[in-house]
Amino acid sequence: MSKRLVLALCVAGGGGGCGGGTAPVKGQPAAYVQPTVNDAMSPPTLGCVGSHADPAAPTAATMLDLTVKDFEKSTVVAGATVEVYTSLAHVNARTPDATSAPTDAAGTSKIMMPAGSYRVIFRTFGAPMTIETLEFNRAFDDGARVSVSETTRSEIPALLSLMPDDTKGVVAGSQRDCAEKELGGITVAMSSDGGSFDSATNVFYFQDAGATRVPSRGQKWTSGDGAYAALNVPPGNATVTASGLVTDGGALTRLGTAVVPVRAGSITIVQLEPLGAGQ
């Protein structure tokens, strides 16, 4: 089973029973970087945690070339519309700051990116046999968009023996270090203002298996790809918090957090950055 397939709707994983609480999970390693299972684990770059800052935001509107691909198969997606939002409030008010024309047969389109925001929220929707996909915390000049198919969504029951609730959504993603590398050894906790949510039974991770990574209910933290997913999240705003150990045997440390939109039947993909000043 491919990593793409699992991160795309159940898409990032399998492994419940871990939710990044106030204490480390038994046996949890220090946070690490391991891009593939064949690479050696290496220490992450975490010196910016608590003071991380993005590059300067654009001062003028800029045209961005878009390419939309299927998140599982990486094939191009025609007929998809992309919206950009500069804030969570704009997402919740359903007032996009810019909207593209539908993608062509090559999966491409253009969008005028607004000034003033380095990180934005992309919403991709409208292509046949796909579901609404929101990408949170993306750089304004990143034109590589993804679309999750209904076929991928339909594989959830077999992958995790967990029936998806169509009235709820999915939140998936990874935690980055100061060098923008995904972190292994991370646990994720989540809460929702839309209703009760149990991280311990609905947050899932990957397990290394041979030369690949597969979903496993026994996995207690992220593998080197950093991927996690929370299933059946109530619609509303979800608070996602990623924690890890800076050193082996140390205290569980909050590394990243975000408040993200969740919609019924959709997936929100969250790129968690290191904590900034005051977070």
C-alpha atoms as a PDB file:
ATOM      1  CA  MET A   1       0.000   0.000   0.000  1.00  0.00           C
ATOM      2  CA  SER A   2       1.557   3.325  -1.014  1.00  0.00           C
ATOM      3  CA  LYS A   3       2.266   6.169   1.396  1.00  0.00           C
ATOM      4  CA  ARG A   4       0.384   8.498  -0.948  1.00  0.00           C
ATOM      5  CA  LEU A   5      -2.733   6.402  -0.803  1.00  0.00           C
ATOM      6  CA  VAL A   6      -2.816   6.295   2.953  1.00  0.00           C
ATOM      7  CA  LEU A   7      -2.109  10.003   3.424  1.00  0.00           C
ATOM      8  CA  ALA A   8      -4.744  10.911   0.987  1.00  0.00           C
ATOM      9  CA  LEU A   9      -7.772   9.947   2.872  1.00  0.00           C
ATOM     10  CA  CYS A  10      -6.907   7.920   5.184  1.00  0.00           C
ATOM     11  CA  VAL A  11      -4.076   9.008   3.807  1.00  0.00           C
ATOM     12  CA  ALA A  12      -1.542   9.372   6.389  1.00  0.00           C
ATOM     13  CA  GLY A  13      -1.445   6.420   8.202  1.00  0.00           C
ATOM     14  CA  GLY A  14      -2.676   3.970  10.487  1.00  0.00           C
ATOM     15  CA  GLY A  15      -1.914   3.474  13.962  1.00  0.00           C
ATOM     16  CA  GLY A  16      -4.308   4.686  16.563  1.00  0.00           C
ATOM     17  CA  GLY A  17      -3.915   4.912  20.233  1.00  0.00           C
ATOM     18  CA  CYS A  18      -1.523   7.822  20.132  1.00  0.00           C
ATOM     19  CA  GLY A  19      -2.414  11.326  20.657  1.00  0.00           C
ATOM     20  CA  GLY A  20       0.538  13.363  21.847  1.00  0.00           C
ATOM     21  CA  GLY A  21      -0.515  14.056  25.385  1.00  0.00           C
ATOM     22  CA  THR A  22       1.481  15.540  28.250  1.00  0.00           C
ATOM     23  CA  ALA A  23       3.891  12.632  28.584  1.00  0.00           C
ATOM     24  CA  PRO A  24       5.879  10.633  26.019  1.00  0.00           C
ATOM     25  CA  VAL A  25       4.453   7.405  24.705  1.00  0.00           C
ATOM     26  CA  LYS A  26       6.342   4.406  26.102  1.00  0.00           C
ATOM     27  CA  GLY A  27       9.448   3.845  23.955  1.00  0.00           C
ATOM     28  CA  GLN A  28       9.025   7.085  21.993  1.00  0.00           C
ATOM     29  CA  PRO A  29      12.364   8.069  20.423  1.00  0.00           C
ATOM     30  CA  ALA A  30      13.741  11.579  20.142  1.00  0.00           C
ATOM     31  CA  ALA A  31      12.524  13.401  17.032  1.00  0.00           C
ATOM     32  CA  TYR A  32      14.500  12.444  13.937  1.00  0.00           C
ATOM     33  CA  VAL A  33      14.772  12.916  10.182  1.00  0.00           C
ATOM     34  CA  GLN A  34      14.710   9.892   7.861  1.00  0.00           C
ATOM     35  CA  PRO A  35      13.419  10.736   4.347  1.00  0.00           C
ATOM     36  CA  THR A  36      13.223   7.083   3.279  1.00  0.00           C
ATOM     37  CA  VAL A  37      13.401   3.823   5.212  1.00  0.00           C
ATOM     38  CA  ASN A  38      16.784   3.175   3.599  1.00  0.00           C
ATOM     39  CA  ASP A  39      18.283   6.374   5.018  1.00  0.00           C
ATOM     40  CA  ALA A  40      19.923   6.510   8.419  1.00  0.00           C
ATOM     41  CA  MET A  41      18.093   8.456  11.107  1.00  0.00           C
ATOM     42  CA  SER A  42      19.648  11.874  11.635  1.00  0.00           C
ATOM     43  CA  PRO A  43      19.060  14.636  14.195  1.00  0.00           C
ATOM     44  CA  PRO A  44      16.571  17.320  13.166  1.00  0.00           C
ATOM     45  CA  THR A  45      17.206  21.050  13.143  1.00  0.00           C
ATOM     46  CA  LEU A  46      15.130  22.441  16.013  1.00  0.00           C
ATOM     47  CA  GLY A  47      16.992  25.574  17.090  1.00  0.00           C
ATOM     48  CA  CYS A  48      14.261  27.833  15.714  1.00  0.00           C
ATOM     49  CA  VAL A  49      11.423  26.276  17.730  1.00  0.00           C
ATOM     50  CA  GLY A  50       9.763  29.090  19.669  1.00  0.00           C
ATOM     51  CA  SER A  51      11.125  31.776  17.368  1.00  0.00           C
ATOM     52  CA  HIS A  52      10.457  30.489  13.843  1.00  0.00           C
ATOM     53  CA  ALA A  53       9.587  33.160  11.295  1.00  0.00           C
ATOM     54  CA  ASP A  54       8.634  32.843   7.626  1.00  0.00           C
ATOM     55  CA  PRO A  55      10.298  34.813   4.838  1.00  0.00           C
ATOM     56  CA  ALA A  56       8.785  38.183   3.990  1.00  0.00           C
ATOM     57  CA  ALA A  57       5.328  38.147   2.447  1.00  0.00           C
ATOM     58  CA  PRO A  58       4.933  39.323  -1.155  1.00  0.00           C
ATOM     59  CA  THR A  59       4.272  43.049  -1.471  1.00  0.00           C
ATOM     60  CA  ALA A  60       2.475  42.802  -4.802  1.00  0.00           C
ATOM     61  CA  ALA A  61       0.024  40.382  -6.380  1.00  0.00           C
ATOM     62  CA  THR A  62       1.784  37.709  -8.443  1.00  0.00           C
ATOM     63  CA  MET A  63       0.594  35.246 -11.068  1.00  0.00           C
ATOM     64  CA  LEU A  64       1.167  31.617 -10.054  1.00  0.00           C
ATOM     65  CA  ASP A  65       1.214  28.619 -12.392  1.00  0.00           C
ATOM     66  CA  LEU A  66      -0.791  25.736 -10.929  1.00  0.00           C
ATOM     67  CA  THR A  67      -0.586  22.007 -11.571  1.00  0.00           C
ATOM     68  CA  VAL A  68      -3.145  19.758  -9.881  1.00  0.00           C
ATOM     69  CA  LYS A  69      -2.317  16.068  -9.456  1.00  0.00           C
ATOM     70  CA  ASP A  70      -4.028  13.114  -7.812  1.00  0.00           C
ATOM     71  CA  PHE A  71      -2.540  12.670  -4.336  1.00  0.00           C
ATOM     72  CA  GLU A  72      -2.338   8.892  -4.607  1.00  0.00           C
ATOM     73  CA  LYS A  73      -1.308   8.319  -8.219  1.00  0.00           C
ATOM     74  CA  SER A  74       0.347  11.658  -9.098  1.00  0.00           C
ATOM     75  CA  THR A  75      -1.640  11.742 -12.337  1.00  0.00           C
ATOM     76  CA  VAL A  76      -2.868  15.130 -13.563  1.00  0.00           C
ATOM     77  CA  VAL A  77      -6.397  16.204 -12.673  1.00  0.00           C
ATOM     78  CA  ALA A  78      -8.502  18.091 -15.232  1.00  0.00           C
ATOM     79  CA  GLY A  79     -11.508  20.200 -14.324  1.00  0.00           C
ATOM     80  CA  ALA A  80     -10.316  21.173 -10.844  1.00  0.00           C
ATOM     81  CA  THR A  81     -10.801  24.700  -9.530  1.00  0.00           C
ATOM     82  CA  VAL A  82      -8.320  26.154  -7.021  1.00  0.00           C
ATOM     83  CA  GLU A  83      -9.160  28.886  -4.531  1.00  0.00           C
ATOM     84  CA  VAL A  84      -6.694  30.704  -2.283  1.00  0.00           C
ATOM     85  CA  TYR A  85      -7.475  32.126   1.154  1.00  0.00           C
ATOM     86  CA  THR A  86      -5.220  34.378   3.198  1.00  0.00           C
ATOM     87  CA  SER A  87      -6.782  33.507   6.566  1.00  0.00           C
ATOM     88  CA  LEU A  88      -8.845  30.914   8.406  1.00  0.00           C
ATOM     89  CA  ALA A  89     -11.572  33.538   8.813  1.00  0.00           C
ATOM     90  CA  HIS A  90     -11.849  33.852   5.031  1.00  0.00           C
ATOM     91  CA  VAL A  91     -12.169  30.062   4.700  1.00  0.00           C
ATOM     92  CA  ASN A  92     -14.939  29.936   7.275  1.00  0.00           C
ATOM     93  CA  ALA A  93     -16.718  32.864   5.626  1.00  0.00           C
ATOM     94  CA  ARG A  94     -16.280  31.149   2.228  1.00  0.00           C
ATOM     95  CA  THR A  95     -14.764  34.305   0.743  1.00  0.00           C
ATOM     96  CA  PRO A  96     -11.748  33.310  -1.375  1.00  0.00           C
ATOM     97  CA  ASP A  97      -9.078  35.910  -2.075  1.00  0.00           C
ATOM     98  CA  ALA A  98      -8.556  34.494  -5.564  1.00  0.00           C
ATOM     99  CA  THR A  99     -10.028  31.752  -7.767  1.00  0.00           C
ATOM    100  CA  SER A 100      -8.537  29.949 -10.760  1.00  0.00           C
ATOM    101  CA  ALA A 101     -10.190  28.772 -13.927  1.00  0.00           C
ATOM    102  CA  PRO A 102     -10.700  24.970 -14.051  1.00  0.00           C
ATOM    103  CA  THR A 103      -7.557  23.036 -14.870  1.00  0.00           C
ATOM    104  CA  ASP A 104      -7.025  21.922 -18.473  1.00  0.00           C
ATOM    105  CA  ALA A 105      -6.293  18.434 -19.787  1.00  0.00           C
ATOM    106  CA  ALA A 106      -2.720  18.749 -18.508  1.00  0.00           C
ATOM    107  CA  GLY A 107      -3.952  19.634 -15.013  1.00  0.00           C
ATOM    108  CA  THR A 108      -2.729  23.229 -15.292  1.00  0.00           C
ATOM    109  CA  SER A 109      -4.212  26.649 -14.646  1.00  0.00           C
ATOM    110  CA  LYS A 110      -3.153  30.035 -13.272  1.00  0.00           C
ATOM    111  CA  ILE A 111      -4.170  32.091 -10.258  1.00  0.00           C
ATOM    112  CA  MET A 112      -3.361  35.635  -9.161  1.00  0.00           C
ATOM    113  CA  MET A 113      -1.893  35.330  -5.683  1.00  0.00           C
ATOM    114  CA  PRO A 114      -2.720  38.243  -3.368  1.00  0.00           C
ATOM    115  CA  ALA A 115      -0.077  40.350  -1.675  1.00  0.00           C
ATOM    116  CA  GLY A 116       0.510  40.356   2.055  1.00  0.00           C
ATOM    117  CA  SER A 117       0.607  36.661   3.026  1.00  0.00           C
ATOM    118  CA  TYR A 118       3.587  34.313   2.792  1.00  0.00           C
ATOM    119  CA  ARG A 119       1.510  31.277   3.865  1.00  0.00           C
ATOM    120  CA  VAL A 120      -1.969  30.674   2.514  1.00  0.00           C
ATOM    121  CA  ILE A 121      -4.729  28.072   2.374  1.00  0.00           C
ATOM    122  CA  PHE A 122      -5.533  26.404  -0.952  1.00  0.00           C
ATOM    123  CA  ARG A 123      -8.871  24.744  -1.680  1.00  0.00           C
ATOM    124  CA  THR A 124      -9.075  22.359  -4.656  1.00  0.00           C
ATOM    125  CA  PHE A 125     -12.481  21.075  -5.743  1.00  0.00           C
ATOM    126  CA  GLY A 126     -14.827  20.428  -8.648  1.00  0.00           C
ATOM    127  CA  ALA A 127     -13.045  17.762 -10.675  1.00  0.00           C
ATOM    128  CA  PRO A 128     -15.099  14.614 -11.391  1.00  0.00           C
ATOM    129  CA  MET A 129     -14.855  11.848  -8.770  1.00  0.00           C
ATOM    130  CA  THR A 130     -12.833  13.923  -6.301  1.00  0.00           C
ATOM    131  CA  ILE A 131     -13.473  15.365  -2.854  1.00  0.00           C
ATOM    132  CA  GLU A 132     -12.826  18.839  -1.510  1.00  0.00           C
ATOM    133  CA  THR A 133      -9.159  19.170  -0.521  1.00  0.00           C
ATOM    134  CA  LEU A 134      -7.840  22.010   1.648  1.00  0.00           C
ATOM    135  CA  GLU A 135      -4.096  22.574   2.015  1.00  0.00           C
ATOM    136  CA  PHE A 136      -3.216  24.648   5.049  1.00  0.00           C
ATOM    137  CA  ASN A 137      -0.036  26.646   5.704  1.00  0.00           C
ATOM    138  CA  ARG A 138       1.402  26.441   2.184  1.00  0.00           C
ATOM    139  CA  ALA A 139       3.913  28.907   0.745  1.00  0.00           C
ATOM    140  CA  PHE A 140       2.237  31.421  -1.582  1.00  0.00           C
ATOM    141  CA  ASP A 141       4.579  30.570  -4.489  1.00  0.00           C
ATOM    142  CA  ASP A 142       4.041  26.778  -4.381  1.00  0.00           C
ATOM    143  CA  GLY A 143       1.896  25.902  -7.395  1.00  0.00           C
ATOM    144  CA  ALA A 144       1.872  22.122  -6.893  1.00  0.00           C
ATOM    145  CA  ARG A 145      -1.682  21.306  -5.765  1.00  0.00           C
ATOM    146  CA  VAL A 146      -3.225  17.948  -4.916  1.00  0.00           C
ATOM    147  CA  SER A 147      -6.687  16.469  -5.302  1.00  0.00           C
ATOM    148  CA  VAL A 148      -8.002  13.456  -3.395  1.00  0.00           C
ATOM    149  CA  SER A 149     -10.195  10.990  -5.281  1.00  0.00           C
ATOM    150  CA  GLU A 150     -13.396   9.355  -4.106  1.00  0.00           C
ATOM    151  CA  THR A 151     -11.707   6.020  -4.856  1.00  0.00           C
ATOM    152  CA  THR A 152      -9.014   6.731  -2.290  1.00  0.00           C
ATOM    153  CA  ARG A 153     -11.649   7.689   0.256  1.00  0.00           C
ATOM    154  CA  SER A 154     -13.506   4.428  -0.332  1.00  0.00           C
ATOM    155  CA  GLU A 155     -10.444   2.415   0.776  1.00  0.00           C
ATOM    156  CA  ILE A 156     -10.572   3.632   4.371  1.00  0.00           C
ATOM    157  CA  PRO A 157     -12.628   0.748   5.811  1.00  0.00           C
ATOM    158  CA  ALA A 158     -10.300  -1.934   4.462  1.00  0.00           C
ATOM    159  CA  LEU A 159      -7.143  -0.060   5.436  1.00  0.00           C
ATOM    160  CA  LEU A 160      -7.974   0.647   9.031  1.00  0.00           C
ATOM    161  CA  SER A 161     -11.108  -1.278   9.906  1.00  0.00           C
ATOM    162  CA  LEU A 162     -12.695   2.053  10.713  1.00  0.00           C
ATOM    163  CA  MET A 163     -15.870   3.205   9.005  1.00  0.00           C
ATOM    164  CA  PRO A 164     -15.605   6.815   7.809  1.00  0.00           C
ATOM    165  CA  ASP A 165     -18.414   9.165   8.807  1.00  0.00           C
ATOM    166  CA  ASP A 166     -19.455  11.239   5.773  1.00  0.00           C
ATOM    167  CA  THR A 167     -20.723  13.999   8.067  1.00  0.00           C
ATOM    168  CA  LYS A 168     -17.166  14.526   9.342  1.00  0.00           C
ATOM    169  CA  GLY A 169     -13.767  15.267   7.823  1.00  0.00           C
ATOM    170  CA  VAL A 170     -10.131  14.159   7.792  1.00  0.00           C
ATOM    171  CA  VAL A 171      -7.065  16.121   8.916  1.00  0.00           C
ATOM    172  CA  ALA A 172      -3.681  14.860   7.719  1.00  0.00           C
ATOM    173  CA  GLY A 173      -0.160  16.199   7.403  1.00  0.00           C
ATOM    174  CA  SER A 174       3.290  16.309   8.978  1.00  0.00           C
ATOM    175  CA  GLN A 175       5.483  18.376  11.291  1.00  0.00           C
ATOM    176  CA  ARG A 176       8.507  20.128   9.764  1.00  0.00           C
ATOM    177  CA  ASP A 177      11.795  21.073  11.424  1.00  0.00           C
ATOM    178  CA  CYS A 178      13.657  24.353  10.899  1.00  0.00           C
ATOM    179  CA  ALA A 179      15.136  22.988   7.649  1.00  0.00           C
ATOM    180  CA  GLU A 180      11.651  22.101   6.311  1.00  0.00           C
ATOM    181  CA  LYS A 181      12.218  18.350   6.746  1.00  0.00           C
ATOM    182  CA  GLU A 182       9.468  16.020   7.997  1.00  0.00           C
ATOM    183  CA  LEU A 183       9.958  14.698  11.520  1.00  0.00           C
ATOM    184  CA  GLY A 184       9.699  11.146  12.768  1.00  0.00           C
ATOM    185  CA  GLY A 185       9.061  10.323  16.419  1.00  0.00           C
ATOM    186  CA  ILE A 186       6.194  12.827  16.688  1.00  0.00           C
ATOM    187  CA  THR A 187       2.807  12.390  18.354  1.00  0.00           C
ATOM    188  CA  VAL A 188      -0.227  14.468  17.422  1.00  0.00           C
ATOM    189  CA  ALA A 189      -3.119  15.622  19.581  1.00  0.00           C
ATOM    190  CA  MET A 190      -6.244  17.202  18.189  1.00  0.00           C
ATOM    191  CA  SER A 191      -9.385  18.885  19.459  1.00  0.00           C
ATOM    192  CA  SER A 192     -12.350  20.400  17.653  1.00  0.00           C
ATOM    193  CA  ASP A 193     -14.737  23.243  18.386  1.00  0.00           C
ATOM    194  CA  GLY A 194     -17.337  21.326  16.368  1.00  0.00           C
ATOM    195  CA  GLY A 195     -17.793  18.516  18.896  1.00  0.00           C
ATOM    196  CA  SER A 196     -15.953  15.879  20.893  1.00  0.00           C
ATOM    197  CA  PHE A 197     -12.953  14.169  19.276  1.00  0.00           C
ATOM    198  CA  ASP A 198     -10.845  11.369  20.757  1.00  0.00           C
ATOM    199  CA  SER A 199      -7.244  11.573  19.541  1.00  0.00           C
ATOM    200  CA  ALA A 200      -6.421   8.234  21.138  1.00  0.00           C
ATOM    201  CA  THR A 201      -8.722   6.278  18.815  1.00  0.00           C
ATOM    202  CA  ASN A 202      -8.840   8.476  15.707  1.00  0.00           C
ATOM    203  CA  VAL A 203      -5.251   9.617  15.080  1.00  0.00           C
ATOM    204  CA  PHE A 204      -3.169   7.226  12.975  1.00  0.00           C
ATOM    205  CA  TYR A 205       0.492   6.830  11.961  1.00  0.00           C
ATOM    206  CA  PHE A 206       2.775   4.781   9.677  1.00  0.00           C
ATOM    207  CA  GLN A 207       5.008   1.826  10.457  1.00  0.00           C
ATOM    208  CA  ASP A 208       8.195   0.927   8.602  1.00  0.00           C
ATOM    209  CA  ALA A 209       7.833  -2.408   6.808  1.00  0.00           C
ATOM    210  CA  GLY A 210      10.720  -3.520   4.653  1.00  0.00           C
ATOM    211  CA  ALA A 211      11.442  -0.823   2.085  1.00  0.00           C
ATOM    212  CA  THR A 212       8.163   1.012   2.565  1.00  0.00           C
ATOM    213  CA  ARG A 213       5.822   2.413   5.194  1.00  0.00           C
ATOM    214  CA  VAL A 214       2.365   1.016   5.808  1.00  0.00           C
ATOM    215  CA  PRO A 215      -0.525   1.850   8.146  1.00  0.00           C
ATOM    216  CA  SER A 216      -0.448   0.091  11.480  1.00  0.00           C
ATOM    217  CA  ARG A 217      -2.760   0.377  14.454  1.00  0.00           C
ATOM    218  CA  GLY A 218       0.178  -0.465  16.687  1.00  0.00           C
ATOM    219  CA  GLN A 219       2.304   2.500  15.585  1.00  0.00           C
ATOM    220  CA  LYS A 220       2.529   5.120  18.341  1.00  0.00           C
ATOM    221  CA  TRP A 221       4.331   8.011  16.606  1.00  0.00           C
ATOM    222  CA  THR A 222       5.257   9.231  13.133  1.00  0.00           C
ATOM    223  CA  SER A 223       7.815   7.409  11.050  1.00  0.00           C
ATOM    224  CA  GLY A 224      10.463   9.281   9.074  1.00  0.00           C
ATOM    225  CA  ASP A 225       7.949  10.606   6.549  1.00  0.00           C
ATOM    226  CA  GLY A 226       6.254  12.497   9.370  1.00  0.00           C
ATOM    227  CA  ALA A 227       2.779  11.485   8.204  1.00  0.00           C
ATOM    228  CA  TYR A 228      -0.280  11.319  10.437  1.00  0.00           C
ATOM    229  CA  ALA A 229      -4.050  11.470   9.892  1.00  0.00           C
ATOM    230  CA  ALA A 230      -7.040  12.092  12.097  1.00  0.00           C
ATOM    231  CA  LEU A 231     -10.294  10.524  10.927  1.00  0.00           C
ATOM    232  CA  ASN A 232     -13.899  11.473  11.651  1.00  0.00           C
ATOM    233  CA  VAL A 233     -13.074  14.987  12.840  1.00  0.00           C
ATOM    234  CA  PRO A 234     -16.212  17.095  13.480  1.00  0.00           C
ATOM    235  CA  PRO A 235     -16.701  20.023  11.067  1.00  0.00           C
ATOM    236  CA  GLY A 236     -15.503  23.330  12.472  1.00  0.00           C
ATOM    237  CA  ASN A 237     -12.053  24.463  13.508  1.00  0.00           C
ATOM    238  CA  ALA A 238      -9.605  21.814  14.733  1.00  0.00           C
ATOM    239  CA  THR A 239      -6.545  22.559  16.831  1.00  0.00           C
ATOM    240  CA  VAL A 240      -3.630  20.317  15.841  1.00  0.00           C
ATOM    241  CA  THR A 241      -0.603  20.066  18.132  1.00  0.00           C
ATOM    242  CA  ALA A 242       2.536  18.050  17.379  1.00  0.00           C
ATOM    243  CA  SER A 243       4.937  17.099  20.166  1.00  0.00           C
ATOM    244  CA  GLY A 244       8.203  15.221  20.384  1.00  0.00           C
ATOM    245  CA  LEU A 245      11.342  14.618  22.431  1.00  0.00           C
ATOM    246  CA  VAL A 246      14.296  16.880  21.669  1.00  0.00           C
ATOM    247  CA  THR A 247      16.642  14.346  23.301  1.00  0.00           C
ATOM    248  CA  ASP A 248      16.185  10.666  24.143  1.00  0.00           C
ATOM    249  CA  GLY A 249      14.495  10.319  27.506  1.00  0.00           C
ATOM    250  CA  GLY A 250      13.711  14.034  27.669  1.00  0.00           C
ATOM    251  CA  ALA A 251      10.404  15.774  28.258  1.00  0.00           C
ATOM    252  CA  LEU A 252       7.689  15.848  25.634  1.00  0.00           C
ATOM    253  CA  THR A 253       8.027  19.219  23.892  1.00  0.00           C
ATOM    254  CA  ARG A 254       5.427  21.029  21.832  1.00  0.00           C
ATOM    255  CA  LEU A 255       6.966  21.614  18.396  1.00  0.00           C
ATOM    256  CA  GLY A 256       4.137  22.887  16.225  1.00  0.00           C
ATOM    257  CA  THR A 257       0.469  23.838  16.348  1.00  0.00           C
ATOM    258  CA  ALA A 258      -2.223  25.197  14.051  1.00  0.00           C
ATOM    259  CA  VAL A 259      -5.954  25.870  14.001  1.00  0.00           C
ATOM    260  CA  VAL A 260      -7.327  24.508  10.737  1.00  0.00           C
ATOM    261  CA  PRO A 261     -10.693  24.271   8.959  1.00  0.00           C
ATOM    262  CA  VAL A 262     -12.531  20.954   8.758  1.00  0.00           C
ATOM    263  CA  ARG A 263     -15.519  20.311   6.499  1.00  0.00           C
ATOM    264  CA  ALA A 264     -17.824  17.329   6.164  1.00  0.00           C
ATOM    265  CA  GLY A 265     -16.582  14.836   3.578  1.00  0.00           C
ATOM    266  CA  SER A 266     -13.368  16.759   2.941  1.00  0.00           C
ATOM    267  CA  ILE A 267      -9.669  16.435   3.768  1.00  0.00           C
ATOM    268  CA  THR A 268      -7.482  19.161   5.248  1.00  0.00           C
ATOM    269  CA  ILE A 269      -3.745  18.644   4.735  1.00  0.00           C
ATOM    270  CA  VAL A 270      -1.699  20.579   7.275  1.00  0.00           C
ATOM    271  CA  GLN A 271       1.961  21.498   6.967  1.00  0.00           C
ATOM    272  CA  LEU A 272       2.942  22.177  10.579  1.00  0.00           C
ATOM    273  CA  GLU A 273       5.873  24.581  10.908  1.00  0.00           C
ATOM    274  CA  PRO A 274       8.033  24.992  14.044  1.00  0.00           C
ATOM    275  CA  LEU A 275       6.519  27.190  16.736  1.00  0.00           C
ATOM    276  CA  GLY A 276       6.937  30.900  16.219  1.00  0.00           C
ATOM    277  CA  ALA A 277       7.492  33.575  18.839  1.00  0.00           C
ATOM    278  CA  GLY A 278       4.638  33.746  21.326  1.00  0.00           C
ATOM    279  CA  GLN A 279       3.046  30.431  20.323  1.00  0.00           C
END
